[in-house]
N, C-alpha and C. Protein backbone atom coordinates (compact mmCIF):
# COMPACT_ATOMS: atom_id res chain seq x y z
N MET A 1 20.79 -25.97 -7.72
CA MET A 1 20.21 -24.67 -7.37
C MET A 1 21.19 -23.57 -7.46
N GLU A 2 22.37 -23.80 -7.27
CA GLU A 2 23.37 -22.65 -7.38
C GLU A 2 23.54 -22.21 -8.80
N ARG A 3 23.42 -23.18 -9.79
CA ARG A 3 23.59 -22.78 -11.18
C ARG A 3 22.43 -21.96 -11.60
N LEU A 4 21.11 -22.26 -11.00
CA LEU A 4 20.07 -21.50 -11.23
C LEU A 4 20.14 -20.09 -10.63
N ARG A 5 20.66 -19.98 -9.50
CA ARG A 5 20.88 -18.79 -8.81
C ARG A 5 21.85 -17.91 -9.65
N PHE A 6 22.90 -18.37 -10.11
CA PHE A 6 23.98 -17.82 -10.88
C PHE A 6 23.12 -17.14 -12.11
N LEU A 7 22.29 -18.03 -12.81
CA LEU A 7 21.73 -17.49 -14.03
C LEU A 7 20.66 -16.33 -13.62
N VAL A 8 20.04 -16.47 -12.56
CA VAL A 8 19.12 -15.42 -12.24
C VAL A 8 19.83 -14.14 -11.98
N PHE A 9 21.08 -14.12 -11.21
CA PHE A 9 21.87 -13.06 -11.07
C PHE A 9 22.28 -12.47 -12.49
N ALA A 10 22.69 -13.42 -13.29
CA ALA A 10 23.22 -12.89 -14.71
C ALA A 10 22.19 -12.11 -15.33
N VAL A 11 20.91 -12.63 -15.37
CA VAL A 11 19.80 -12.10 -15.95
C VAL A 11 19.49 -10.56 -15.26
N PHE A 12 19.66 -10.59 -14.08
CA PHE A 12 19.37 -9.33 -13.32
C PHE A 12 20.52 -8.28 -13.72
N PHE A 13 21.80 -8.65 -13.87
CA PHE A 13 22.93 -7.80 -14.01
C PHE A 13 22.72 -7.24 -15.48
N VAL A 14 22.43 -8.18 -16.55
CA VAL A 14 22.23 -7.63 -17.87
C VAL A 14 21.06 -6.77 -17.95
N SER A 15 19.84 -7.10 -17.28
CA SER A 15 18.77 -6.23 -17.38
C SER A 15 18.88 -5.00 -16.75
N ALA A 16 19.55 -4.90 -15.58
CA ALA A 16 19.82 -3.62 -14.79
C ALA A 16 20.66 -2.76 -15.71
N ALA A 17 21.76 -3.28 -16.24
CA ALA A 17 22.58 -2.57 -17.05
C ALA A 17 21.84 -2.11 -18.39
N GLY A 18 20.98 -2.79 -18.90
CA GLY A 18 20.46 -2.28 -20.08
C GLY A 18 19.34 -1.23 -19.72
N THR A 19 18.61 -1.39 -18.58
CA THR A 19 17.73 -0.34 -18.16
C THR A 19 18.43 0.90 -17.75
N GLY A 20 19.63 0.76 -17.07
CA GLY A 20 20.32 2.05 -16.85
C GLY A 20 20.74 2.70 -18.08
N ALA A 21 21.23 2.03 -19.02
CA ALA A 21 21.77 2.62 -20.23
C ALA A 21 20.60 3.24 -20.94
N GLU A 22 19.44 2.65 -21.02
CA GLU A 22 18.20 3.20 -21.67
C GLU A 22 17.80 4.52 -21.00
N LEU A 23 17.75 4.44 -19.71
CA LEU A 23 17.42 5.69 -18.83
C LEU A 23 18.36 6.83 -19.20
N PHE A 24 19.71 6.53 -19.23
CA PHE A 24 20.65 7.42 -19.49
C PHE A 24 20.59 8.10 -20.85
N LEU A 25 20.35 7.05 -21.91
CA LEU A 25 20.31 7.66 -23.33
C LEU A 25 18.96 8.39 -23.52
N LEU A 26 18.02 8.18 -22.68
CA LEU A 26 16.65 9.00 -22.69
C LEU A 26 16.83 10.25 -21.99
N GLU A 27 17.94 10.49 -21.20
CA GLU A 27 18.06 11.66 -20.55
C GLU A 27 17.11 11.72 -19.45
N HIS A 28 17.03 10.74 -18.82
CA HIS A 28 16.18 10.50 -17.48
C HIS A 28 16.78 11.18 -16.39
N THR A 29 17.31 12.34 -16.48
CA THR A 29 18.08 13.10 -15.36
C THR A 29 17.71 14.50 -15.21
N GLU A 30 16.49 14.79 -15.57
CA GLU A 30 15.92 16.30 -15.45
C GLU A 30 15.59 16.65 -13.87
N SER A 31 15.30 15.80 -13.14
CA SER A 31 14.89 15.94 -11.65
C SER A 31 15.40 14.94 -10.83
N VAL A 32 15.34 15.18 -9.57
CA VAL A 32 15.76 14.30 -8.63
C VAL A 32 14.94 12.92 -8.66
N TRP A 33 13.67 13.08 -8.91
CA TRP A 33 12.85 11.86 -9.17
C TRP A 33 13.35 10.94 -10.33
N GLN A 34 13.85 11.58 -11.30
CA GLN A 34 14.35 10.94 -12.38
C GLN A 34 15.69 10.24 -12.17
N LEU A 35 16.35 10.69 -11.23
CA LEU A 35 17.72 10.18 -10.78
C LEU A 35 17.55 8.99 -9.92
N VAL A 36 16.38 8.89 -9.31
CA VAL A 36 16.22 7.79 -8.28
C VAL A 36 16.43 6.34 -8.82
N PRO A 37 15.83 6.11 -10.01
CA PRO A 37 15.96 4.83 -10.67
C PRO A 37 17.44 4.61 -11.07
N LEU A 38 18.15 5.57 -11.51
CA LEU A 38 19.42 5.41 -11.90
C LEU A 38 20.41 5.13 -10.68
N ALA A 39 20.22 5.85 -9.70
CA ALA A 39 20.84 5.58 -8.42
C ALA A 39 20.61 4.13 -7.91
N ALA A 40 19.36 3.87 -7.95
CA ALA A 40 18.94 2.43 -7.43
C ALA A 40 19.62 1.42 -8.25
N LEU A 41 19.61 1.46 -9.64
CA LEU A 41 20.25 0.53 -10.41
C LEU A 41 21.68 0.42 -10.20
N GLY A 42 22.40 1.50 -10.08
CA GLY A 42 23.83 1.60 -9.70
C GLY A 42 24.17 0.75 -8.37
N ALA A 43 23.34 1.19 -7.35
CA ALA A 43 23.64 0.62 -6.19
C ALA A 43 23.23 -0.89 -6.10
N GLY A 44 22.17 -1.26 -6.78
CA GLY A 44 21.83 -2.70 -6.88
C GLY A 44 22.88 -3.45 -7.59
N VAL A 45 23.40 -3.01 -8.64
CA VAL A 45 24.47 -3.67 -9.31
C VAL A 45 25.72 -3.93 -8.46
N LEU A 46 26.13 -2.88 -7.76
CA LEU A 46 27.30 -2.90 -7.04
C LEU A 46 27.01 -3.97 -5.76
N VAL A 47 25.93 -3.77 -5.09
CA VAL A 47 25.61 -4.90 -3.93
C VAL A 47 25.34 -6.20 -4.52
N GLY A 48 24.81 -6.33 -5.70
CA GLY A 48 24.60 -7.64 -6.32
C GLY A 48 25.99 -8.32 -6.58
N ALA A 49 26.86 -7.41 -7.08
CA ALA A 49 28.26 -7.93 -7.47
C ALA A 49 28.88 -8.45 -6.16
N ALA A 50 28.75 -7.74 -4.91
CA ALA A 50 29.27 -8.12 -3.69
C ALA A 50 28.64 -9.52 -3.30
N VAL A 51 27.36 -9.64 -3.58
CA VAL A 51 26.87 -10.98 -3.08
C VAL A 51 27.44 -12.06 -3.99
N VAL A 52 27.63 -11.89 -5.35
CA VAL A 52 28.15 -12.87 -6.21
C VAL A 52 29.63 -13.18 -5.62
N ALA A 53 30.46 -12.03 -5.50
CA ALA A 53 31.72 -12.31 -5.25
C ALA A 53 32.09 -12.79 -3.90
N ARG A 54 31.39 -12.27 -2.95
CA ARG A 54 31.58 -12.76 -1.35
C ARG A 54 30.26 -12.90 -0.78
N PRO A 55 29.63 -14.09 -1.03
CA PRO A 55 28.32 -14.11 -0.36
C PRO A 55 28.14 -14.45 1.09
N ARG A 56 27.95 -13.29 1.77
CA ARG A 56 27.79 -13.38 3.21
C ARG A 56 26.39 -12.97 3.58
N ALA A 57 25.98 -13.25 4.73
CA ALA A 57 24.56 -12.79 5.12
C ALA A 57 24.41 -11.32 4.99
N ALA A 58 25.39 -10.55 5.33
CA ALA A 58 25.29 -9.08 5.36
C ALA A 58 24.97 -8.57 4.03
N THR A 59 25.72 -9.17 3.07
CA THR A 59 25.70 -8.64 1.60
C THR A 59 24.31 -9.02 0.99
N VAL A 60 23.97 -10.27 1.24
CA VAL A 60 22.74 -10.69 0.93
C VAL A 60 21.53 -9.88 1.32
N ARG A 61 21.53 -9.74 2.74
CA ARG A 61 20.55 -8.79 3.29
C ARG A 61 20.44 -7.43 2.70
N ALA A 62 21.66 -6.86 2.47
CA ALA A 62 21.81 -5.56 1.81
C ALA A 62 21.13 -5.55 0.41
N PHE A 63 21.50 -6.57 -0.25
CA PHE A 63 20.93 -6.77 -1.66
C PHE A 63 19.39 -6.92 -1.56
N GLN A 64 18.84 -7.58 -0.76
CA GLN A 64 17.45 -7.67 -0.47
C GLN A 64 16.79 -6.40 -0.19
N ALA A 65 17.50 -5.58 0.62
CA ALA A 65 16.98 -4.16 1.02
C ALA A 65 16.97 -3.43 -0.27
N ALA A 66 17.93 -3.57 -1.00
CA ALA A 66 18.04 -2.77 -2.33
C ALA A 66 16.95 -3.22 -3.41
N MET A 67 16.59 -4.43 -3.30
CA MET A 67 15.55 -4.96 -4.13
C MET A 67 14.26 -4.36 -3.67
N VAL A 68 13.97 -4.39 -2.39
CA VAL A 68 12.70 -3.78 -1.90
C VAL A 68 12.75 -2.21 -2.32
N LEU A 69 13.79 -1.53 -2.42
CA LEU A 69 13.75 -0.20 -2.89
C LEU A 69 13.49 -0.19 -4.41
N PHE A 70 14.03 -1.20 -5.08
CA PHE A 70 13.68 -1.14 -6.58
C PHE A 70 12.28 -1.22 -6.73
N VAL A 71 11.56 -2.19 -5.94
CA VAL A 71 10.11 -2.26 -6.12
C VAL A 71 9.35 -0.94 -5.73
N ALA A 72 9.83 -0.38 -4.65
CA ALA A 72 9.19 0.94 -4.24
C ALA A 72 9.56 2.09 -5.34
N SER A 73 10.68 2.05 -5.82
CA SER A 73 11.03 3.03 -6.98
C SER A 73 10.10 2.85 -8.09
N GLY A 74 9.83 1.58 -8.54
CA GLY A 74 9.07 1.09 -9.74
C GLY A 74 7.63 1.61 -9.38
N VAL A 75 7.08 1.40 -8.26
CA VAL A 75 5.66 1.77 -7.98
C VAL A 75 5.48 3.19 -7.95
N THR A 76 6.48 3.93 -7.41
CA THR A 76 6.51 5.38 -7.45
C THR A 76 6.53 5.89 -8.89
N GLY A 77 7.48 5.28 -9.64
CA GLY A 77 7.63 5.74 -11.08
C GLY A 77 6.28 5.54 -11.83
N LEU A 78 5.75 4.36 -11.58
CA LEU A 78 4.30 4.19 -12.22
C LEU A 78 3.32 5.26 -11.77
N TYR A 79 3.29 5.67 -10.74
CA TYR A 79 2.40 6.86 -10.11
C TYR A 79 2.74 8.18 -10.84
N LEU A 80 3.99 8.54 -10.83
CA LEU A 80 4.49 9.71 -11.31
C LEU A 80 4.27 9.78 -12.86
N HIS A 81 4.48 8.80 -13.49
CA HIS A 81 4.38 8.58 -14.99
C HIS A 81 2.93 8.77 -15.33
N TYR A 82 2.07 8.17 -14.61
CA TYR A 82 0.62 8.24 -14.93
C TYR A 82 0.02 9.49 -14.57
N ARG A 83 0.52 10.06 -13.39
CA ARG A 83 -0.08 11.40 -12.90
C ARG A 83 0.49 12.35 -13.93
N GLY A 84 1.56 12.34 -14.26
CA GLY A 84 2.09 13.34 -15.36
C GLY A 84 1.22 13.32 -16.66
N ASN A 85 1.00 12.24 -17.05
CA ASN A 85 0.20 12.07 -18.26
C ASN A 85 -1.26 12.53 -18.02
N VAL A 86 -1.78 12.32 -16.94
CA VAL A 86 -3.14 12.73 -16.59
C VAL A 86 -3.05 14.28 -16.63
N GLU A 87 -2.17 14.96 -16.01
CA GLU A 87 -2.13 16.33 -15.97
C GLU A 87 -1.94 17.03 -17.42
N PHE A 88 -1.17 16.30 -18.15
CA PHE A 88 -0.91 16.75 -19.63
C PHE A 88 -2.24 16.60 -20.45
N GLU A 89 -2.86 15.37 -20.30
CA GLU A 89 -4.12 15.25 -21.08
C GLU A 89 -5.20 16.31 -20.59
N LEU A 90 -5.37 16.51 -19.28
CA LEU A 90 -6.19 17.40 -18.82
C LEU A 90 -6.02 19.05 -19.14
N GLU A 91 -4.92 19.28 -19.37
CA GLU A 91 -4.37 20.41 -19.95
C GLU A 91 -4.94 20.64 -21.42
N MET A 92 -4.71 19.63 -22.11
CA MET A 92 -5.07 19.63 -23.54
C MET A 92 -6.55 19.55 -23.69
N TYR A 93 -7.24 18.68 -22.79
CA TYR A 93 -8.63 18.32 -23.02
C TYR A 93 -9.32 18.53 -21.61
N PRO A 94 -9.62 19.61 -21.06
CA PRO A 94 -10.21 19.71 -19.82
C PRO A 94 -11.37 19.03 -19.42
N ALA A 95 -12.17 18.64 -20.36
CA ALA A 95 -13.40 17.95 -20.10
C ALA A 95 -13.15 16.45 -20.10
N LEU A 96 -11.96 16.01 -20.39
CA LEU A 96 -11.79 14.45 -20.35
C LEU A 96 -11.91 13.84 -19.03
N ALA A 97 -12.57 12.73 -18.96
CA ALA A 97 -12.72 12.07 -17.67
C ALA A 97 -13.02 10.66 -17.83
N GLY A 98 -13.04 9.84 -16.75
CA GLY A 98 -13.46 8.51 -16.68
C GLY A 98 -12.45 7.55 -17.55
N ALA A 99 -12.93 6.50 -18.12
CA ALA A 99 -12.21 5.49 -18.83
C ALA A 99 -11.26 6.15 -19.98
N GLU A 100 -11.97 7.13 -20.61
CA GLU A 100 -11.26 7.84 -21.78
C GLU A 100 -9.90 8.56 -21.15
N LEU A 101 -9.99 9.22 -19.88
CA LEU A 101 -8.86 9.84 -19.29
C LEU A 101 -7.85 8.80 -19.12
N VAL A 102 -8.28 7.70 -18.48
CA VAL A 102 -7.33 6.71 -17.98
C VAL A 102 -6.69 6.06 -19.23
N TRP A 103 -7.32 5.88 -20.36
CA TRP A 103 -6.76 5.37 -21.46
C TRP A 103 -5.71 6.31 -22.13
N LYS A 104 -6.12 7.67 -22.18
CA LYS A 104 -5.15 8.57 -22.65
C LYS A 104 -3.94 8.78 -21.79
N ALA A 105 -4.11 8.62 -20.54
CA ALA A 105 -2.91 8.70 -19.62
C ALA A 105 -2.02 7.50 -19.75
N LEU A 106 -2.62 6.33 -19.99
CA LEU A 106 -1.81 4.99 -20.22
C LEU A 106 -1.15 5.02 -21.43
N THR A 107 -1.64 5.75 -22.46
CA THR A 107 -1.15 5.76 -23.73
C THR A 107 -0.46 7.11 -24.07
N GLY A 108 -0.18 7.89 -23.12
CA GLY A 108 0.35 9.31 -23.19
C GLY A 108 1.69 9.32 -23.71
N ALA A 109 2.21 10.46 -23.76
CA ALA A 109 3.71 10.70 -24.09
C ALA A 109 4.73 10.11 -23.24
N THR A 110 4.56 10.12 -21.96
CA THR A 110 5.39 9.40 -20.95
C THR A 110 5.08 7.93 -20.82
N PRO A 111 5.83 7.09 -21.03
CA PRO A 111 5.46 5.70 -20.92
C PRO A 111 5.09 5.29 -19.62
N ALA A 112 3.78 5.16 -19.27
CA ALA A 112 3.16 5.01 -17.94
C ALA A 112 3.59 3.68 -17.21
N LEU A 113 3.75 2.71 -18.05
CA LEU A 113 4.10 1.43 -17.49
C LEU A 113 5.48 1.09 -17.41
N ALA A 114 6.28 1.96 -18.09
CA ALA A 114 7.78 1.65 -18.02
C ALA A 114 8.47 1.48 -16.65
N PRO A 115 8.07 2.18 -15.70
CA PRO A 115 8.74 1.88 -14.40
C PRO A 115 8.42 0.58 -13.82
N GLY A 116 7.56 -0.11 -14.41
CA GLY A 116 7.28 -1.40 -13.94
C GLY A 116 8.46 -2.34 -14.05
N VAL A 117 9.51 -1.98 -14.98
CA VAL A 117 10.66 -2.80 -14.98
C VAL A 117 11.43 -2.73 -13.76
N MET A 118 11.46 -1.74 -13.07
CA MET A 118 12.12 -1.65 -11.78
C MET A 118 11.49 -2.70 -10.71
N VAL A 119 10.19 -2.79 -10.91
CA VAL A 119 9.47 -3.73 -10.03
C VAL A 119 9.95 -5.14 -10.41
N GLN A 120 9.95 -5.37 -11.62
CA GLN A 120 10.36 -6.80 -12.07
C GLN A 120 11.90 -7.04 -11.71
N LEU A 121 12.68 -6.01 -11.92
CA LEU A 121 14.03 -6.37 -11.40
C LEU A 121 14.29 -6.53 -10.09
N GLY A 122 13.40 -5.85 -9.23
CA GLY A 122 13.40 -6.02 -7.69
C GLY A 122 12.98 -7.47 -7.37
N VAL A 123 11.79 -7.96 -8.02
CA VAL A 123 11.39 -9.19 -7.79
C VAL A 123 12.43 -10.28 -8.22
N LEU A 124 13.15 -10.07 -9.26
CA LEU A 124 14.22 -11.01 -9.87
C LEU A 124 15.20 -11.06 -8.73
N GLY A 125 15.60 -9.88 -8.35
CA GLY A 125 16.77 -9.88 -7.35
C GLY A 125 16.32 -10.56 -6.08
N LEU A 126 15.07 -10.44 -5.61
CA LEU A 126 14.63 -11.09 -4.43
C LEU A 126 14.52 -12.67 -4.64
N LEU A 127 14.19 -13.00 -5.84
CA LEU A 127 14.22 -14.56 -6.21
C LEU A 127 15.61 -15.06 -6.31
N ALA A 128 16.66 -14.28 -6.75
CA ALA A 128 17.94 -14.66 -6.70
C ALA A 128 18.51 -14.99 -5.26
N CYS A 129 17.93 -14.39 -4.23
CA CYS A 129 18.11 -14.57 -2.85
C CYS A 129 17.48 -15.46 -2.09
N PHE A 130 16.48 -16.15 -2.76
CA PHE A 130 15.54 -17.05 -2.10
C PHE A 130 16.34 -18.11 -1.54
N ARG A 131 16.16 -18.59 -0.36
CA ARG A 131 16.97 -19.66 0.31
C ARG A 131 18.46 -19.54 0.12
N HIS A 132 19.00 -18.35 0.06
CA HIS A 132 20.50 -18.19 -0.31
C HIS A 132 21.20 -18.91 0.95
N PRO A 133 22.22 -19.75 0.47
CA PRO A 133 23.10 -20.43 1.36
C PRO A 133 23.76 -19.55 2.52
N ALA A 134 24.10 -18.37 2.14
CA ALA A 134 24.68 -17.47 3.15
C ALA A 134 23.72 -17.07 4.27
N LEU A 135 22.39 -17.42 4.05
CA LEU A 135 21.49 -17.02 5.10
C LEU A 135 21.01 -18.08 6.01
N ARG A 136 21.58 -19.37 5.72
CA ARG A 136 21.25 -20.42 6.54
C ARG A 136 21.92 -20.31 7.96
N PRO A 137 21.18 -20.63 9.04
CA PRO A 137 21.77 -20.59 10.33
C PRO A 137 22.98 -21.54 10.39
N THR A 138 23.99 -21.04 11.12
CA THR A 138 25.10 -22.00 11.35
C THR A 138 24.96 -23.04 12.54
N ALA A 139 25.49 -24.18 12.46
CA ALA A 139 25.34 -25.12 13.57
C ALA A 139 25.95 -24.66 14.78
N PRO A 140 25.44 -25.04 16.00
CA PRO A 140 26.16 -24.68 17.19
C PRO A 140 27.71 -25.33 17.23
N ALA A 141 28.43 -24.67 18.00
CA ALA A 141 29.78 -25.20 18.08
C ALA A 141 29.74 -26.64 18.55
N GLY A 142 30.60 -27.53 18.04
CA GLY A 142 30.78 -28.94 18.39
C GLY A 142 29.77 -29.86 17.57
N ARG A 143 28.90 -29.23 16.86
CA ARG A 143 27.96 -30.20 16.04
C ARG A 143 28.11 -29.80 14.55
N THR A 144 27.90 -30.76 13.66
CA THR A 144 27.85 -30.40 12.40
C THR A 144 26.43 -30.19 11.81
N SER A 145 26.25 -29.63 10.79
CA SER A 145 24.88 -29.09 10.44
C SER A 145 24.05 -30.42 10.01
N GLY A 146 24.61 -31.59 9.88
CA GLY A 146 23.85 -32.93 9.49
C GLY A 146 23.43 -33.63 10.71
N GLU A 147 23.85 -33.35 12.02
CA GLU A 147 23.60 -33.92 13.10
C GLU A 147 22.12 -33.61 13.49
N ARG A 148 21.50 -34.59 14.07
CA ARG A 148 20.09 -34.37 14.64
C ARG A 148 20.27 -33.96 16.19
N THR A 149 19.20 -33.13 16.61
CA THR A 149 19.25 -32.83 17.99
C THR A 149 18.59 -33.95 18.75
N PRO A 150 19.09 -34.29 19.98
CA PRO A 150 18.48 -35.29 20.67
C PRO A 150 16.97 -34.93 21.13
N ALA A 151 16.13 -36.03 21.13
CA ALA A 151 14.74 -35.75 21.41
C ALA A 151 14.44 -35.73 22.90
């Protein structure tokens, strides 16, 4: 299980670094909203590195919280990208409506579904923490974790 956890963390780190590099190269830095995923990626990588280097309950919980923020960031980004495309399309074609407007917004200039990668990274990070050994309760003093409690 620990080998699989290590591989999931490795995929997370490579994917987060690639996503951050892509956002930076695309100059995804024009507004505060555009900086949110870059900041989340940086924080996630730092906290994730802490989990790998020193797996403690506090660092695992902090990483899980960061991954929930990844998911929230991704969902917010999906909304903002889609809404921006809708506004652009309505500016160009004011009579556009219904399924045609949705299609144009999904295939517009701003990649409407691209922020979904943040959701995927967040879920991947949460999977890396699933049943993490650092979150197991410790045995009470005087007992080992393998002993059974008396009936």
